[in-house]
N, C-alpha and C. Protein backbone atom coordinates (compact mmCIF):
# COMPACT_ATOMS: atom_id res chain seq x y z
N MET A 1 -22.05 0.16 30.70
CA MET A 1 -20.86 -0.53 30.26
C MET A 1 -20.78 -1.93 30.86
N THR A 2 -21.23 -2.09 32.06
CA THR A 2 -21.18 -3.40 32.68
C THR A 2 -22.15 -4.36 32.00
N LEU A 3 -23.32 -3.86 31.61
CA LEU A 3 -24.30 -4.73 30.98
C LEU A 3 -23.82 -5.27 29.64
N SER A 4 -23.19 -4.42 28.83
CA SER A 4 -22.71 -4.88 27.53
C SER A 4 -21.57 -5.87 27.68
N HIS A 5 -20.83 -5.76 28.74
CA HIS A 5 -19.72 -6.69 28.99
C HIS A 5 -20.26 -8.06 29.42
N ARG A 6 -21.37 -8.11 30.16
CA ARG A 6 -21.95 -9.37 30.63
C ARG A 6 -22.68 -10.13 29.52
N ARG A 7 -23.29 -9.43 28.60
CA ARG A 7 -24.08 -10.06 27.54
C ARG A 7 -23.25 -11.06 26.72
N PRO A 8 -22.06 -10.72 26.23
CA PRO A 8 -21.27 -11.69 25.47
C PRO A 8 -20.88 -12.91 26.31
N ARG A 9 -20.62 -12.71 27.60
CA ARG A 9 -20.26 -13.85 28.45
C ARG A 9 -21.45 -14.79 28.61
N ARG A 10 -22.65 -14.21 28.82
CA ARG A 10 -23.85 -15.04 28.96
C ARG A 10 -24.13 -15.81 27.67
N THR A 11 -23.99 -15.13 26.55
CA THR A 11 -24.21 -15.77 25.26
C THR A 11 -23.19 -16.89 25.06
N ALA A 12 -21.95 -16.64 25.37
CA ALA A 12 -20.90 -17.66 25.23
C ALA A 12 -21.16 -18.84 26.15
N ALA A 13 -21.60 -18.56 27.37
CA ALA A 13 -21.90 -19.64 28.31
C ALA A 13 -23.08 -20.46 27.82
N ALA A 14 -24.11 -19.81 27.30
CA ALA A 14 -25.30 -20.53 26.79
C ALA A 14 -24.93 -21.40 25.59
N VAL A 15 -24.10 -20.86 24.70
CA VAL A 15 -23.65 -21.63 23.53
C VAL A 15 -22.83 -22.83 23.99
N ALA A 16 -21.95 -22.64 24.95
CA ALA A 16 -21.12 -23.74 25.46
C ALA A 16 -21.98 -24.83 26.08
N LEU A 17 -22.99 -24.45 26.85
CA LEU A 17 -23.89 -25.44 27.44
C LEU A 17 -24.67 -26.20 26.37
N ALA A 18 -25.15 -25.51 25.36
CA ALA A 18 -25.90 -26.15 24.28
C ALA A 18 -25.02 -27.14 23.52
N VAL A 19 -23.81 -26.73 23.19
CA VAL A 19 -22.87 -27.61 22.49
C VAL A 19 -22.54 -28.83 23.35
N GLY A 20 -22.34 -28.62 24.65
CA GLY A 20 -22.05 -29.73 25.56
C GLY A 20 -23.21 -30.71 25.63
N ALA A 21 -24.43 -30.20 25.70
CA ALA A 21 -25.60 -31.07 25.77
C ALA A 21 -25.76 -31.87 24.48
N ILE A 22 -25.57 -31.22 23.34
CA ILE A 22 -25.68 -31.93 22.06
C ILE A 22 -24.59 -32.99 21.95
N SER A 23 -23.38 -32.67 22.37
CA SER A 23 -22.27 -33.64 22.33
C SER A 23 -22.57 -34.84 23.22
N ALA A 24 -23.13 -34.59 24.39
CA ALA A 24 -23.45 -35.69 25.31
C ALA A 24 -24.51 -36.59 24.71
N LEU A 25 -25.53 -36.01 24.10
CA LEU A 25 -26.57 -36.82 23.48
C LEU A 25 -26.02 -37.62 22.31
N THR A 26 -25.16 -37.02 21.52
CA THR A 26 -24.58 -37.71 20.38
C THR A 26 -23.70 -38.86 20.86
N ALA A 27 -22.93 -38.66 21.91
CA ALA A 27 -22.04 -39.70 22.43
C ALA A 27 -22.83 -40.87 22.96
N CYS A 28 -24.01 -40.65 23.51
CA CYS A 28 -24.83 -41.72 24.04
C CYS A 28 -25.58 -42.45 22.95
N GLY A 29 -25.59 -41.93 21.74
CA GLY A 29 -26.26 -42.58 20.65
C GLY A 29 -27.66 -42.06 20.43
N GLY A 30 -28.25 -41.36 21.39
CA GLY A 30 -29.59 -40.84 21.23
C GLY A 30 -30.58 -41.94 20.91
N ASP A 31 -31.72 -41.56 20.40
CA ASP A 31 -32.76 -42.53 20.04
C ASP A 31 -32.40 -43.35 18.81
N GLU A 32 -31.50 -42.84 18.00
CA GLU A 32 -31.11 -43.53 16.77
C GLU A 32 -30.18 -44.71 17.02
N GLY A 33 -29.63 -44.81 18.21
CA GLY A 33 -28.68 -45.87 18.51
C GLY A 33 -27.37 -45.63 17.78
N ARG A 34 -26.55 -46.64 17.74
CA ARG A 34 -25.26 -46.56 17.07
C ARG A 34 -24.97 -47.90 16.43
N MET A 35 -24.18 -47.86 15.37
CA MET A 35 -23.80 -49.10 14.70
C MET A 35 -22.90 -49.92 15.63
N ALA A 36 -23.04 -51.22 15.60
CA ALA A 36 -22.18 -52.10 16.39
C ALA A 36 -20.73 -51.94 15.92
N ALA A 37 -19.81 -52.07 16.84
CA ALA A 37 -18.39 -51.98 16.50
C ALA A 37 -17.97 -53.18 15.65
N ALA A 38 -18.57 -54.35 15.91
CA ALA A 38 -18.23 -55.55 15.16
C ALA A 38 -19.35 -56.58 15.26
N VAL A 39 -19.50 -57.36 14.20
CA VAL A 39 -20.44 -58.48 14.16
C VAL A 39 -19.66 -59.67 13.64
N SER A 40 -19.81 -60.82 14.31
CA SER A 40 -19.08 -62.01 13.90
C SER A 40 -19.89 -63.25 14.29
N ALA A 41 -19.34 -64.40 13.98
CA ALA A 41 -19.97 -65.65 14.41
C ALA A 41 -19.88 -65.77 15.92
N SER A 42 -20.74 -66.55 16.51
CA SER A 42 -20.71 -66.77 17.95
C SER A 42 -19.33 -67.27 18.36
N THR A 43 -18.87 -66.78 19.50
CA THR A 43 -17.57 -67.21 20.01
C THR A 43 -17.69 -68.37 21.00
N SER A 44 -18.91 -68.86 21.21
CA SER A 44 -19.11 -69.91 22.21
C SER A 44 -18.61 -71.27 21.76
N GLY A 45 -18.49 -71.45 20.45
CA GLY A 45 -18.05 -72.74 19.94
C GLY A 45 -19.16 -73.78 19.92
N VAL A 46 -20.40 -73.35 20.09
CA VAL A 46 -21.54 -74.27 20.09
C VAL A 46 -22.09 -74.40 18.67
N ILE A 47 -22.34 -75.62 18.25
CA ILE A 47 -22.97 -75.87 16.96
C ILE A 47 -24.47 -75.78 17.18
N VAL A 48 -25.14 -74.85 16.49
CA VAL A 48 -26.57 -74.67 16.73
C VAL A 48 -27.44 -75.50 15.80
N THR A 49 -26.92 -75.90 14.64
CA THR A 49 -27.68 -76.76 13.74
C THR A 49 -27.06 -78.16 13.76
N ASP A 50 -27.68 -79.07 13.05
CA ASP A 50 -27.15 -80.43 12.98
C ASP A 50 -25.90 -80.53 12.10
N ALA A 51 -25.65 -79.50 11.27
CA ALA A 51 -24.52 -79.54 10.35
C ALA A 51 -23.27 -79.00 11.04
N SER A 52 -22.30 -79.85 11.24
CA SER A 52 -21.07 -79.41 11.90
C SER A 52 -20.30 -78.40 11.04
N THR A 53 -20.66 -78.29 9.77
CA THR A 53 -19.99 -77.32 8.90
C THR A 53 -20.39 -75.89 9.23
N ASP A 54 -21.41 -75.70 10.09
CA ASP A 54 -21.84 -74.37 10.47
C ASP A 54 -20.95 -73.72 11.52
N LEU A 55 -20.11 -74.48 12.17
CA LEU A 55 -19.26 -73.92 13.22
C LEU A 55 -18.37 -72.83 12.61
N GLY A 56 -18.36 -71.68 13.24
CA GLY A 56 -17.59 -70.56 12.72
C GLY A 56 -18.37 -69.69 11.75
N SER A 57 -19.66 -69.96 11.56
CA SER A 57 -20.50 -69.16 10.66
C SER A 57 -21.54 -68.40 11.46
N ILE A 58 -21.93 -67.25 10.94
CA ILE A 58 -23.12 -66.59 11.45
C ILE A 58 -24.30 -67.37 10.90
N ILE A 59 -25.26 -67.69 11.75
CA ILE A 59 -26.42 -68.48 11.32
C ILE A 59 -27.69 -67.75 11.77
N ILE A 60 -28.60 -67.56 10.84
CA ILE A 60 -29.90 -66.98 11.16
C ILE A 60 -30.93 -67.70 10.31
N GLY A 61 -31.94 -68.26 10.97
CA GLY A 61 -32.99 -68.90 10.18
C GLY A 61 -33.82 -69.88 10.96
N TRP A 62 -34.58 -70.64 10.21
CA TRP A 62 -35.43 -71.66 10.79
C TRP A 62 -35.68 -72.74 9.74
N GLY A 63 -36.11 -73.88 10.15
CA GLY A 63 -36.41 -74.95 9.21
C GLY A 63 -35.36 -76.04 9.25
N GLU A 64 -35.15 -76.65 8.08
CA GLU A 64 -34.25 -77.81 7.99
C GLU A 64 -33.09 -77.62 7.03
N ASP A 65 -33.27 -76.81 6.00
CA ASP A 65 -32.28 -76.73 4.93
C ASP A 65 -31.64 -75.35 4.85
N HIS A 66 -30.44 -75.32 4.28
CA HIS A 66 -29.78 -74.05 4.00
C HIS A 66 -30.38 -73.49 2.72
N SER A 67 -31.07 -72.34 2.85
CA SER A 67 -31.65 -71.66 1.70
C SER A 67 -32.03 -70.25 2.13
N ASP A 68 -32.41 -69.42 1.16
CA ASP A 68 -32.80 -68.05 1.47
C ASP A 68 -34.04 -67.99 2.37
N THR A 69 -34.89 -69.00 2.31
CA THR A 69 -36.12 -68.98 3.10
C THR A 69 -36.03 -69.84 4.36
N GLU A 70 -34.89 -70.47 4.57
CA GLU A 70 -34.75 -71.28 5.79
C GLU A 70 -33.49 -70.86 6.54
N ILE A 71 -32.49 -71.71 6.62
CA ILE A 71 -31.28 -71.43 7.39
C ILE A 71 -30.28 -70.70 6.49
N THR A 72 -29.88 -69.49 6.92
CA THR A 72 -28.94 -68.69 6.14
C THR A 72 -27.64 -68.51 6.92
N THR A 73 -26.57 -68.30 6.20
CA THR A 73 -25.26 -68.05 6.81
C THR A 73 -24.67 -66.77 6.20
N PRO A 74 -25.20 -65.62 6.62
CA PRO A 74 -24.72 -64.35 6.05
C PRO A 74 -23.31 -63.99 6.52
N ARG A 75 -22.65 -63.18 5.72
CA ARG A 75 -21.35 -62.62 6.09
C ARG A 75 -21.57 -61.47 7.08
N PRO A 76 -20.59 -61.14 7.90
CA PRO A 76 -20.74 -60.03 8.85
C PRO A 76 -21.15 -58.72 8.19
N ASP A 77 -20.62 -58.45 6.98
CA ASP A 77 -20.95 -57.19 6.31
C ASP A 77 -22.37 -57.15 5.76
N GLN A 78 -23.09 -58.27 5.82
CA GLN A 78 -24.47 -58.32 5.36
C GLN A 78 -25.47 -58.04 6.49
N LEU A 79 -24.97 -57.92 7.73
CA LEU A 79 -25.84 -57.65 8.87
C LEU A 79 -25.74 -56.19 9.28
N ASP A 80 -26.87 -55.65 9.69
CA ASP A 80 -26.91 -54.31 10.26
C ASP A 80 -27.26 -54.50 11.73
N ALA A 81 -26.33 -54.19 12.61
CA ALA A 81 -26.58 -54.33 14.05
C ALA A 81 -26.49 -52.95 14.68
N ARG A 82 -27.56 -52.53 15.34
CA ARG A 82 -27.63 -51.24 16.02
C ARG A 82 -27.72 -51.47 17.52
N CYS A 83 -26.97 -50.69 18.26
CA CYS A 83 -26.91 -50.82 19.71
C CYS A 83 -27.58 -49.60 20.34
N TYR A 84 -28.35 -49.86 21.39
CA TYR A 84 -29.04 -48.80 22.11
C TYR A 84 -28.68 -48.94 23.59
N GLY A 85 -28.25 -47.84 24.21
CA GLY A 85 -27.86 -47.88 25.61
C GLY A 85 -26.54 -48.61 25.79
N SER A 86 -26.28 -48.98 27.06
CA SER A 86 -25.05 -49.72 27.36
C SER A 86 -25.23 -50.45 28.69
N GLY A 87 -24.29 -51.32 28.99
CA GLY A 87 -24.33 -52.07 30.25
C GLY A 87 -25.63 -52.83 30.42
N ASP A 88 -26.25 -52.67 31.61
CA ASP A 88 -27.49 -53.39 31.90
C ASP A 88 -28.69 -52.86 31.11
N ALA A 89 -28.53 -51.75 30.42
CA ALA A 89 -29.62 -51.17 29.63
C ALA A 89 -29.38 -51.35 28.13
N LEU A 90 -28.48 -52.26 27.75
CA LEU A 90 -28.15 -52.48 26.34
C LEU A 90 -29.27 -53.24 25.64
N ALA A 91 -29.62 -52.77 24.46
CA ALA A 91 -30.54 -53.48 23.56
C ALA A 91 -29.91 -53.46 22.17
N ILE A 92 -30.12 -54.52 21.42
CA ILE A 92 -29.50 -54.65 20.10
C ILE A 92 -30.56 -55.07 19.10
N ASP A 93 -30.59 -54.38 17.97
CA ASP A 93 -31.45 -54.75 16.84
C ASP A 93 -30.56 -55.24 15.72
N ILE A 94 -30.85 -56.43 15.21
CA ILE A 94 -30.09 -57.01 14.11
C ILE A 94 -31.03 -57.16 12.93
N THR A 95 -30.59 -56.65 11.77
CA THR A 95 -31.32 -56.85 10.53
C THR A 95 -30.41 -57.65 9.62
N ALA A 96 -30.93 -58.74 9.09
CA ALA A 96 -30.13 -59.65 8.28
C ALA A 96 -30.80 -59.86 6.92
N PRO A 97 -30.06 -60.41 5.96
CA PRO A 97 -30.63 -60.67 4.65
C PRO A 97 -31.86 -61.58 4.73
N HIS A 98 -32.66 -61.51 3.72
CA HIS A 98 -33.84 -62.36 3.56
C HIS A 98 -34.92 -62.06 4.59
N GLY A 99 -34.96 -60.81 5.10
CA GLY A 99 -36.07 -60.36 5.92
C GLY A 99 -35.98 -60.59 7.41
N TRP A 100 -34.86 -61.09 7.92
CA TRP A 100 -34.76 -61.39 9.34
C TRP A 100 -34.51 -60.14 10.17
N LYS A 101 -35.24 -60.02 11.29
CA LYS A 101 -35.06 -58.94 12.26
C LYS A 101 -35.08 -59.56 13.65
N ILE A 102 -34.06 -59.25 14.43
CA ILE A 102 -33.92 -59.83 15.78
C ILE A 102 -33.68 -58.69 16.77
N ARG A 103 -34.30 -58.78 17.93
CA ARG A 103 -34.08 -57.80 19.02
C ARG A 103 -33.67 -58.58 20.26
N ALA A 104 -32.55 -58.19 20.84
CA ALA A 104 -32.06 -58.78 22.09
C ALA A 104 -31.93 -57.66 23.12
N SER A 105 -32.30 -57.95 24.36
CA SER A 105 -32.21 -56.97 25.44
C SER A 105 -31.37 -57.53 26.57
N SER A 106 -30.51 -56.70 27.11
CA SER A 106 -29.53 -57.10 28.11
C SER A 106 -30.10 -58.00 29.20
N GLY A 107 -29.37 -59.09 29.45
CA GLY A 107 -29.70 -60.01 30.52
C GLY A 107 -30.78 -61.01 30.20
N SER A 108 -31.48 -60.84 29.10
CA SER A 108 -32.63 -61.69 28.79
C SER A 108 -32.25 -62.86 27.88
N GLN A 109 -32.93 -63.98 28.10
CA GLN A 109 -32.80 -65.15 27.24
C GLN A 109 -33.95 -65.20 26.22
N ILE A 110 -34.68 -64.09 26.11
CA ILE A 110 -35.80 -63.99 25.18
C ILE A 110 -35.38 -63.11 24.01
N LEU A 111 -35.62 -63.56 22.79
CA LEU A 111 -35.34 -62.78 21.58
C LEU A 111 -36.66 -62.47 20.89
N ALA A 112 -36.81 -61.27 20.38
CA ALA A 112 -37.95 -60.92 19.54
C ALA A 112 -37.48 -61.12 18.10
N ILE A 113 -38.13 -62.03 17.38
CA ILE A 113 -37.69 -62.40 16.03
C ILE A 113 -38.86 -62.29 15.06
N GLU A 114 -38.55 -61.82 13.85
CA GLU A 114 -39.55 -61.78 12.79
C GLU A 114 -38.85 -61.94 11.45
N ASN A 115 -39.63 -62.27 10.45
CA ASN A 115 -39.12 -62.30 9.09
C ASN A 115 -40.15 -61.63 8.20
N VAL A 116 -39.83 -60.41 7.77
CA VAL A 116 -40.78 -59.63 6.98
C VAL A 116 -40.96 -60.20 5.58
N ASP A 117 -39.93 -60.80 4.99
CA ASP A 117 -40.05 -61.39 3.66
C ASP A 117 -40.98 -62.60 3.64
N GLN A 118 -40.98 -63.37 4.72
CA GLN A 118 -41.78 -64.59 4.77
C GLN A 118 -43.11 -64.39 5.49
N GLY A 119 -43.36 -63.16 5.97
CA GLY A 119 -44.61 -62.89 6.68
C GLY A 119 -44.68 -63.56 8.04
N LEU A 120 -43.53 -63.79 8.66
CA LEU A 120 -43.49 -64.39 9.98
C LEU A 120 -43.55 -63.26 11.01
N ALA A 121 -44.66 -63.19 11.72
CA ALA A 121 -44.91 -62.09 12.65
C ALA A 121 -43.87 -62.05 13.77
N ARG A 122 -43.59 -60.84 14.23
CA ARG A 122 -42.65 -60.65 15.35
C ARG A 122 -43.21 -61.36 16.58
N THR A 123 -42.38 -62.19 17.16
CA THR A 123 -42.78 -62.92 18.35
C THR A 123 -41.58 -63.17 19.23
N ASP A 124 -41.83 -63.39 20.50
CA ASP A 124 -40.75 -63.69 21.43
C ASP A 124 -40.39 -65.16 21.35
N VAL A 125 -39.09 -65.43 21.29
CA VAL A 125 -38.59 -66.79 21.27
C VAL A 125 -37.72 -66.96 22.52
N ASP A 126 -38.08 -67.94 23.34
CA ASP A 126 -37.32 -68.22 24.56
C ASP A 126 -36.14 -69.11 24.20
N ALA A 127 -34.94 -68.57 24.35
CA ALA A 127 -33.72 -69.30 24.00
C ALA A 127 -33.06 -69.94 25.22
N THR A 128 -33.77 -70.01 26.34
CA THR A 128 -33.22 -70.60 27.55
C THR A 128 -32.79 -72.03 27.27
N ASN A 129 -31.60 -72.39 27.73
CA ASN A 129 -31.11 -73.76 27.58
C ASN A 129 -31.91 -74.65 28.53
N LYS A 130 -32.76 -75.47 27.98
CA LYS A 130 -33.66 -76.31 28.79
C LYS A 130 -32.97 -77.55 29.36
N TYR A 131 -31.76 -77.83 28.89
CA TYR A 131 -31.08 -79.05 29.32
C TYR A 131 -30.00 -78.81 30.36
N LEU A 132 -29.46 -77.61 30.39
CA LEU A 132 -28.38 -77.30 31.32
C LEU A 132 -28.53 -75.85 31.78
N ASP A 133 -29.03 -75.67 33.01
CA ASP A 133 -29.34 -74.33 33.52
C ASP A 133 -28.14 -73.39 33.49
N ILE A 134 -26.94 -73.91 33.72
CA ILE A 134 -25.77 -73.05 33.80
C ILE A 134 -25.36 -72.52 32.42
N ALA A 135 -25.65 -73.26 31.36
CA ALA A 135 -25.30 -72.83 30.01
C ALA A 135 -26.32 -71.81 29.52
N GLN A 136 -25.84 -70.69 29.03
CA GLN A 136 -26.71 -69.63 28.53
C GLN A 136 -26.61 -69.58 27.01
N SER A 137 -27.75 -69.71 26.34
CA SER A 137 -27.76 -69.60 24.88
C SER A 137 -27.46 -68.17 24.46
N ILE A 138 -27.85 -67.21 25.31
CA ILE A 138 -27.56 -65.80 25.06
C ILE A 138 -26.69 -65.31 26.20
N ASP A 139 -25.41 -65.07 25.88
CA ASP A 139 -24.41 -64.74 26.89
C ASP A 139 -24.17 -63.22 26.92
N TRP A 140 -24.53 -62.61 28.04
CA TRP A 140 -24.35 -61.17 28.26
C TRP A 140 -23.18 -60.90 29.21
N SER A 141 -22.28 -61.84 29.43
CA SER A 141 -21.25 -61.70 30.47
C SER A 141 -20.18 -60.65 30.16
N GLN A 142 -19.97 -60.30 28.90
CA GLN A 142 -19.00 -59.27 28.55
C GLN A 142 -19.71 -57.93 28.43
N PRO A 143 -19.18 -56.88 29.06
CA PRO A 143 -19.85 -55.57 28.99
C PRO A 143 -20.04 -55.10 27.54
N ASP A 144 -21.24 -54.67 27.23
CA ASP A 144 -21.60 -54.12 25.92
C ASP A 144 -21.38 -55.09 24.76
N GLU A 145 -21.51 -56.38 25.05
CA GLU A 145 -21.44 -57.41 24.02
C GLU A 145 -22.51 -58.46 24.28
N VAL A 146 -22.93 -59.14 23.24
CA VAL A 146 -23.81 -60.29 23.39
C VAL A 146 -23.32 -61.39 22.46
N ASP A 147 -23.35 -62.62 22.96
CA ASP A 147 -22.98 -63.77 22.17
C ASP A 147 -24.18 -64.71 22.17
N ILE A 148 -24.72 -64.98 20.98
CA ILE A 148 -25.92 -65.80 20.88
C ILE A 148 -25.58 -67.08 20.12
N ALA A 149 -25.85 -68.21 20.75
CA ALA A 149 -25.73 -69.52 20.11
C ALA A 149 -26.98 -70.29 20.54
N ALA A 150 -28.08 -70.02 19.86
CA ALA A 150 -29.39 -70.51 20.31
C ALA A 150 -30.08 -71.39 19.28
N THR A 151 -30.73 -72.41 19.80
CA THR A 151 -31.63 -73.26 19.03
C THR A 151 -32.89 -73.38 19.85
N ALA A 152 -34.02 -73.06 19.25
CA ALA A 152 -35.28 -73.09 19.99
C ALA A 152 -36.41 -73.53 19.06
N ASP A 153 -37.48 -74.02 19.66
CA ASP A 153 -38.66 -74.37 18.87
C ASP A 153 -39.20 -73.12 18.19
N ALA A 154 -39.63 -73.26 16.95
CA ALA A 154 -40.23 -72.14 16.23
C ALA A 154 -41.55 -71.78 16.89
N PRO A 155 -41.92 -70.52 16.88
CA PRO A 155 -43.19 -70.10 17.45
C PRO A 155 -44.37 -70.84 16.79
N GLN A 156 -45.42 -71.08 17.54
CA GLN A 156 -46.57 -71.82 17.04
C GLN A 156 -47.21 -71.16 15.82
N GLY A 157 -47.18 -69.84 15.74
CA GLY A 157 -47.79 -69.14 14.61
C GLY A 157 -47.00 -69.25 13.32
N TRP A 158 -45.76 -69.73 13.40
CA TRP A 158 -44.95 -69.89 12.20
C TRP A 158 -45.16 -71.31 11.69
N ASN A 159 -45.79 -71.45 10.58
CA ASN A 159 -46.09 -72.78 10.04
C ASN A 159 -45.14 -73.12 8.92
N SER A 160 -44.38 -74.15 9.15
CA SER A 160 -43.42 -74.63 8.15
C SER A 160 -44.06 -75.74 7.33
N PRO A 161 -43.86 -75.72 6.01
CA PRO A 161 -44.40 -76.81 5.17
C PRO A 161 -43.83 -78.18 5.57
N ALA A 162 -42.65 -78.18 6.19
CA ALA A 162 -42.01 -79.44 6.58
C ALA A 162 -42.48 -79.93 7.95
N GLY A 163 -43.39 -79.19 8.60
CA GLY A 163 -43.84 -79.58 9.93
C GLY A 163 -43.14 -78.75 10.99
N PRO A 164 -43.12 -79.24 12.25
CA PRO A 164 -42.50 -78.48 13.33
C PRO A 164 -41.04 -78.13 12.98
N ALA A 165 -40.68 -76.89 13.23
CA ALA A 165 -39.34 -76.43 12.86
C ALA A 165 -38.64 -75.82 14.07
N ARG A 166 -37.36 -75.58 13.90
CA ARG A 166 -36.55 -74.95 14.94
C ARG A 166 -36.02 -73.62 14.41
N VAL A 167 -35.76 -72.68 15.33
CA VAL A 167 -35.13 -71.41 15.01
C VAL A 167 -33.66 -71.54 15.41
N TYR A 168 -32.78 -71.05 14.53
CA TYR A 168 -31.34 -71.12 14.78
C TYR A 168 -30.74 -69.73 14.70
N LEU A 169 -29.90 -69.41 15.68
CA LEU A 169 -29.24 -68.12 15.66
C LEU A 169 -27.85 -68.26 16.29
N SER A 170 -26.84 -67.86 15.53
CA SER A 170 -25.47 -67.88 16.02
C SER A 170 -24.79 -66.60 15.54
N VAL A 171 -24.57 -65.67 16.49
CA VAL A 171 -23.98 -64.38 16.14
C VAL A 171 -23.40 -63.74 17.41
N HIS A 172 -22.36 -62.95 17.21
CA HIS A 172 -21.73 -62.19 18.29
C HIS A 172 -21.76 -60.73 17.89
N VAL A 173 -22.27 -59.85 18.78
CA VAL A 173 -22.33 -58.42 18.50
C VAL A 173 -21.55 -57.68 19.58
N ASP A 174 -20.64 -56.84 19.13
CA ASP A 174 -19.82 -56.02 20.02
C ASP A 174 -20.26 -54.57 19.87
N CYS A 175 -20.79 -53.98 20.92
CA CYS A 175 -21.28 -52.61 20.89
C CYS A 175 -20.33 -51.60 21.50
N ARG A 176 -19.13 -52.02 21.85
CA ARG A 176 -18.18 -51.09 22.51
C ARG A 176 -17.74 -49.99 21.59
């Protein structure tokens, strides 16, 4: 009689532990990550291109002109931002229209950028502000958020028909 009484308790305890473990993994996002809570234009107020009309816009691209193959200004609902981890272990993948893919990792001024539509291979782009050390092009100061207002030389392997080009990125991602 004692054994049959213990069996349901053990089964219930095992089920409770399994459900708790699955819930914990789901809450952390697991390997699949989680969708960003919000995506918007950079909040830094920095103009990343020469066009002052870009202020207040999300900007992703490279080159000289606004077009599908150069500088784009997508709406927030056109971006897919996935967050992995949190705090100092936060990483963010951004997928944007026209083939753009960007990866940012917490604390780093380096972005991994590629454009699958244009055949631009994934490469690291250093967004460090070369003119003012205190200014950060990629601001990680808010927990579980990143604000990017970066302009950097295009990677050497990316050949623009117009000659040397710049990469432009202005976006704010909230992973809370």
